[in-house]
Protein backbone atom coordinates (compact mmCIF):
# COMPACT_ATOMS: atom_id res chain seq x y z
CA UNK A 1 -7.10 -31.77 -35.94
CA UNK A 2 -4.27 -30.00 -34.18
CA UNK A 3 -4.37 -27.18 -31.40
CA UNK A 4 -2.19 -24.54 -30.76
CA UNK A 5 -1.63 -22.43 -27.39
CA UNK A 6 -1.14 -18.81 -27.39
CA UNK A 7 2.34 -18.06 -25.65
CA UNK A 8 1.34 -14.27 -25.28
CA UNK A 9 1.54 -13.57 -21.74
CA UNK A 10 -1.64 -11.75 -19.96
CA UNK A 11 -1.00 -8.33 -18.56
CA UNK A 12 -3.28 -7.30 -15.85
CA UNK A 13 -2.49 -3.79 -16.06
CA UNK A 14 -1.98 -3.37 -19.60
CA UNK A 15 -2.45 0.25 -20.95
CA UNK A 16 -2.94 1.61 -17.38
CA UNK A 17 -1.54 4.47 -16.21
CA UNK A 18 -0.58 4.32 -12.44
CA UNK A 19 0.98 6.70 -9.81
CA UNK A 20 2.31 4.90 -6.72
CA UNK A 21 3.31 7.20 -3.75
CA UNK A 22 6.12 5.98 -1.40
CA UNK A 23 7.34 4.19 -4.13
CA UNK A 24 11.06 4.43 -3.88
CA UNK A 25 11.33 1.54 -0.86
CA UNK A 26 9.47 -1.11 0.90
CA UNK A 27 5.67 -1.96 -0.20
CA UNK A 28 5.95 0.91 -3.03
CA UNK A 29 8.96 -0.21 -4.61
CA UNK A 30 7.49 -3.72 -4.68
CA UNK A 31 4.42 -2.36 -6.27
CA UNK A 32 6.35 -0.20 -8.92
CA UNK A 33 7.96 -3.38 -10.22
CA UNK A 34 4.95 -5.48 -10.21
CA UNK A 35 2.65 -2.83 -11.96
CA UNK A 36 5.56 -2.23 -14.37
CA UNK A 37 5.68 -6.19 -14.98
CA UNK A 38 1.94 -6.12 -15.54
CA UNK A 39 2.00 -3.74 -18.12
CA UNK A 40 1.44 -0.40 -16.38
CA UNK A 41 2.84 2.97 -17.18
CA UNK A 42 4.11 3.95 -13.34
CA UNK A 43 4.68 7.25 -12.12
CA UNK A 44 6.94 6.66 -8.76
CA UNK A 45 6.29 9.43 -6.36
CA UNK A 46 8.68 9.63 -3.34
CA UNK A 47 11.14 12.20 -1.44
CA UNK A 48 13.80 9.61 -1.69
CA UNK A 49 15.23 11.14 -4.94
CA UNK A 50 18.24 8.56 -5.30
CA UNK A 51 16.51 5.53 -4.78
CA UNK A 52 13.53 6.49 -6.94
CA UNK A 53 15.71 7.68 -9.89
CA UNK A 54 17.76 4.19 -9.42
CA UNK A 55 14.49 2.12 -9.70
CA UNK A 56 12.83 4.18 -12.71
CA UNK A 57 16.49 4.17 -14.19
CA UNK A 58 16.35 0.36 -13.90
CA UNK A 59 12.89 -0.55 -14.72
CA UNK A 60 13.15 1.54 -18.21
CA UNK A 61 10.99 4.21 -20.48
CA UNK A 62 7.66 3.25 -18.75
CA UNK A 63 8.48 4.21 -15.18
CA UNK A 64 9.72 7.43 -14.15
CA UNK A 65 10.45 9.14 -10.93
CA UNK A 66 8.95 12.71 -9.44
CA UNK A 67 9.91 13.84 -6.28
CA UNK A 68 6.83 14.39 -4.32
CA UNK A 69 6.11 15.18 -0.27
CA UNK A 70 2.69 13.94 -0.35
CA UNK A 71 1.81 16.14 2.99
CA UNK A 72 1.97 19.30 0.58
CA UNK A 73 -0.96 19.75 -1.74
CA UNK A 74 1.02 21.55 -4.21
CA UNK A 75 3.31 18.73 -4.78
CA UNK A 76 0.59 16.31 -5.11
CA UNK A 77 -1.52 18.66 -7.47
CA UNK A 78 1.65 19.12 -9.70
CA UNK A 79 2.40 15.07 -9.43
CA UNK A 80 -1.25 14.39 -11.36
CA UNK A 81 -1.12 17.14 -13.34
CA UNK A 82 2.70 15.94 -14.79
CA UNK A 83 1.12 12.25 -15.16
CA UNK A 84 -1.79 13.68 -17.04
CA UNK A 85 0.57 15.93 -19.28
CA UNK A 86 2.94 13.01 -19.98
CA UNK A 87 0.46 10.04 -20.17
CA UNK A 88 -2.77 11.88 -20.86
CA UNK A 89 -4.81 9.87 -18.04
CA UNK A 90 -4.86 8.59 -14.69
CA UNK A 91 -6.16 4.97 -14.17
CA UNK A 92 -4.80 4.15 -10.71
CA UNK A 93 -3.65 6.58 -7.81
CA UNK A 94 -2.18 4.10 -5.16
CA UNK A 95 -1.45 6.21 -2.25
CA UNK A 96 1.00 4.27 -0.12
CA UNK A 97 3.59 6.79 1.07
CA UNK A 98 3.59 6.50 5.26
CA UNK A 99 5.89 7.04 8.09
CA UNK A 100 5.79 5.51 11.47
CA UNK A 101 6.52 7.13 14.70
CA UNK A 102 8.37 4.50 16.86
CA UNK A 103 7.99 0.61 16.70
CA UNK A 104 5.71 0.75 19.89
CA UNK A 105 4.87 2.87 22.67
CA UNK A 106 2.64 3.98 25.64
CA UNK A 107 0.62 7.06 24.87
CA UNK A 108 2.20 8.68 28.12
CA UNK A 109 5.29 8.72 26.12
CA UNK A 110 3.63 9.82 22.84
CA UNK A 111 4.02 13.45 21.68
CA UNK A 112 1.86 15.88 19.59
CA UNK A 113 4.79 15.91 17.32
CA UNK A 114 4.32 12.13 16.77
CA UNK A 115 0.56 12.33 16.16
CA UNK A 116 0.93 15.46 13.78
CA UNK A 117 3.77 13.69 11.83
CA UNK A 118 1.81 10.63 11.63
CA UNK A 119 -1.48 12.29 10.41
CA UNK A 120 0.14 14.56 8.29
CA UNK A 121 1.71 12.28 6.08
CA UNK A 122 -0.02 8.98 6.34
CA UNK A 123 -3.45 10.34 6.34
CA UNK A 124 -2.93 13.89 4.86
CA UNK A 125 -1.01 12.37 1.97
CA UNK A 126 -3.97 10.01 1.34
CA UNK A 127 -6.56 12.63 1.66
CA UNK A 128 -4.53 14.96 -1.13
CA UNK A 129 -3.76 11.93 -3.19
CA UNK A 130 -7.51 11.15 -3.40
CA UNK A 131 -8.53 14.38 -3.99
CA UNK A 132 -6.28 15.23 -6.94
CA UNK A 133 -7.30 11.64 -8.38
CA UNK A 134 -10.70 12.22 -8.23
CA UNK A 135 -10.25 15.70 -10.07
CA UNK A 136 -9.11 13.75 -13.25
CA UNK A 137 -11.00 10.47 -12.62
CA UNK A 138 -14.47 11.86 -12.16
CA UNK A 139 -14.68 13.60 -15.70
CA UNK A 140 -13.57 10.28 -17.33
CA UNK A 141 -16.11 7.97 -15.49
CA UNK A 142 -13.50 5.76 -14.18
CA UNK A 143 -10.30 4.89 -12.06
CA UNK A 144 -9.04 3.25 -9.14
CA UNK A 145 -7.79 4.81 -5.86
CA UNK A 146 -6.01 2.50 -3.21
CA UNK A 147 -4.50 3.39 0.16
CA UNK A 148 -1.94 1.21 2.10
CA UNK A 149 -3.92 1.06 5.73
CA UNK A 150 -2.77 -1.47 8.19
CA UNK A 151 -3.87 -4.63 9.87
CA UNK A 152 -4.36 -2.50 13.23
CA UNK A 153 -7.61 -1.39 11.62
CA UNK A 154 -8.80 -4.98 12.31
CA UNK A 155 -7.09 -5.96 15.42
CA UNK A 156 -5.95 -3.48 18.45
CA UNK A 157 -2.50 -3.51 19.83
CA UNK A 158 -0.50 -4.05 16.57
CA UNK A 159 1.22 -0.49 16.61
CA UNK A 160 1.38 2.89 18.52
CA UNK A 161 -1.62 5.22 19.07
CA UNK A 162 -0.47 7.76 16.82
CA UNK A 163 0.16 5.38 13.61
CA UNK A 164 -3.35 3.39 14.29
CA UNK A 165 -5.27 6.71 14.58
CA UNK A 166 -3.65 7.63 10.95
CA UNK A 167 -4.55 4.19 9.52
CA UNK A 168 -7.94 3.87 11.02
CA UNK A 169 -8.56 7.34 9.53
CA UNK A 170 -7.56 6.16 6.04
CA UNK A 171 -9.91 3.41 6.19
CA UNK A 172 -12.86 5.70 7.25
CA UNK A 173 -12.00 7.93 4.37
CA UNK A 174 -11.82 5.33 1.84
CA UNK A 175 -15.38 4.15 2.92
CA UNK A 176 -16.69 7.76 2.44
CA UNK A 177 -14.58 7.83 -1.09
CA UNK A 178 -16.32 4.81 -1.88
CA UNK A 179 -19.98 6.06 -1.25
CA UNK A 180 -19.05 9.56 -2.99
CA UNK A 181 -17.08 8.21 -5.82
CA UNK A 182 -18.88 5.02 -6.88
CA UNK A 183 -21.50 7.04 -8.93
CA UNK A 184 -18.70 8.24 -11.14
CA UNK A 185 -17.10 4.89 -11.67
CA UNK A 186 -14.47 5.06 -9.55
CA UNK A 187 -13.40 2.19 -7.44
CA UNK A 188 -12.16 2.85 -3.83
CA UNK A 189 -10.10 0.17 -1.73
CA UNK A 190 -7.80 -0.47 1.16
CA UNK A 191 -5.10 -2.96 1.44
CA UNK A 192 -4.06 -3.41 4.99
CA UNK A 193 -0.63 -5.18 5.55
CA UNK A 194 0.21 -7.25 8.89
CA UNK A 195 3.55 -6.48 10.30
CA UNK A 196 5.93 -6.60 7.46
CA UNK A 197 9.67 -5.51 7.17
CA UNK A 198 10.38 -2.65 4.79
CA UNK A 199 12.88 -0.02 4.44
CA UNK A 200 10.36 2.07 7.11
CA UNK A 201 11.37 -0.31 9.81
CA UNK A 202 14.44 -2.23 9.11
CA UNK A 203 17.10 0.51 8.69
CA UNK A 204 20.49 -0.24 9.53
CA UNK A 205 19.78 -4.24 9.73
CA UNK A 206 21.81 -6.56 7.90
CA UNK A 207 20.24 -8.93 5.33
CA UNK A 208 20.38 -12.04 7.50
CA UNK A 209 19.21 -10.32 10.48
CA UNK A 210 16.05 -9.16 8.14
CA UNK A 211 15.57 -12.47 6.85
CA UNK A 212 15.47 -13.83 10.28
CA UNK A 213 13.29 -11.31 11.22
CA UNK A 214 10.45 -11.96 8.58
CA UNK A 215 10.35 -15.32 9.62
CA UNK A 216 10.05 -14.75 13.37
CA UNK A 217 7.29 -12.00 12.21
CA UNK A 218 5.35 -14.15 10.06
CA UNK A 219 5.73 -16.72 12.78
CA UNK A 220 3.64 -14.82 14.95
CA UNK A 221 0.68 -14.83 12.59
CA UNK A 222 -1.97 -17.68 12.27
CA UNK A 223 -0.72 -18.88 8.71
CA UNK A 224 1.85 -21.04 9.05
CA UNK A 225 4.39 -22.19 6.26
CA UNK A 226 4.23 -18.49 4.70
CA UNK A 227 6.62 -15.49 4.98
CA UNK A 228 4.86 -12.05 4.54
CA UNK A 229 7.19 -9.78 2.13
CA UNK A 230 6.46 -6.50 0.50
CA UNK A 231 5.62 -8.30 -2.68
CA UNK A 232 2.75 -10.13 -0.85
CA UNK A 233 1.18 -6.53 -0.27
CA UNK A 234 2.07 -5.41 -3.55
CA UNK A 235 0.45 -8.55 -5.35
CA UNK A 236 -2.92 -7.81 -3.04
CA UNK A 237 -2.61 -4.21 -4.44
CA UNK A 238 -2.38 -5.43 -8.16
CA UNK A 239 -5.74 -7.38 -7.46
CA UNK A 240 -7.61 -4.45 -6.29
CA UNK A 241 -6.04 -2.03 -9.11
CA UNK A 242 -6.60 -4.73 -11.76
CA UNK A 243 -10.06 -5.08 -13.85
CA UNK A 244 -10.26 -8.42 -12.05
CA UNK A 245 -11.78 -6.71 -9.13
CA UNK A 246 -13.88 -4.42 -11.09
CA UNK A 247 -16.83 -4.43 -9.00
CA UNK A 248 -14.84 -4.41 -5.73
CA UNK A 249 -15.33 -0.88 -3.98
CA UNK A 250 -15.28 -0.13 -0.39
CA UNK A 251 -13.09 -3.12 0.77
CA UNK A 252 -10.36 -3.33 3.29
CA UNK A 253 -8.35 -6.26 2.07
CA UNK A 254 -6.39 -7.36 5.40
CA UNK A 255 -3.35 -9.50 4.14
CA UNK A 256 -2.53 -10.95 7.87
CA UNK A 257 -3.03 -14.52 7.10
CA UNK A 258 -6.27 -14.56 9.24
CA UNK A 259 -4.47 -12.91 12.41
CA UNK A 260 -7.04 -10.56 13.04
CA UNK A 261 -9.86 -13.28 12.89
CA UNK A 262 -8.57 -15.71 15.20
CA UNK A 263 -7.76 -15.67 18.82
CA UNK A 264 -5.01 -17.59 19.69
CA UNK A 265 -5.46 -17.50 23.52
CA UNK A 266 -6.93 -20.77 24.10
CA UNK A 267 -4.40 -22.89 21.81
CA UNK A 268 -1.46 -20.98 23.24
CA UNK A 269 -2.94 -21.92 26.65
CA UNK A 270 -3.36 -25.50 25.94
CA UNK A 271 0.53 -25.82 24.85
CA UNK A 272 1.62 -24.46 28.00
CA UNK A 273 -0.24 -26.94 30.27
CA UNK A 274 2.31 -30.11 30.97
CA UNK A 275 1.00 -33.36 29.37
CA UNK A 276 0.46 -36.27 32.28
């Protein structure tokens, strides 16, 4: 008796239609590529037209680019309507678009404009994306709504106050939505990255400097021997978007190598004590 094995690859998002906001760079661009590789038809939404159009052209007919400012409800509504018009459905809404006000800073240096920008784009975009995704998912009694939050939702001191406030609010929104939309078969989850270099926080840096910074940033974490890249966050989002997570809702998947659950103070102090 002889046995043969199938050589067909398993595509985890085969037949799915996904919108990814902030998809022209960083985590979003990685998610566009990975979701596409896994069989999804992807609508890439961003305000970086040249980058977005280039990615869509490179990946082919199952990826299209739509200009969308997620802080504007008309743009988000039109994005979802255009997706339905093109593909007939929406299975996955990945609300990834976001901004930072600055790398770090005291609340004494933070302006109202800093807060308004973070809340308007990060939280406002997430809220509007979820609202209009739910509008088309609820009647179908199925769908996935994802958000990019942050590891700052699990441990303090990783970001500015404006950024932290906006990301904590996204996690609160996700929990509330999971409670409401579960009865309609719609799953809602967050993926929360540890510090990861993206186009948003590495502009003007040389490739060698970026690589060195990635190693340094990951080295500050608890899990040694691994370097966190945007692709790692995108793969976590892929899991939450796929049917492998069919009973996962209301989860904040923190991708930080255990940093937020480990207090390194004792081990760091021990290393500073000279041996006899």
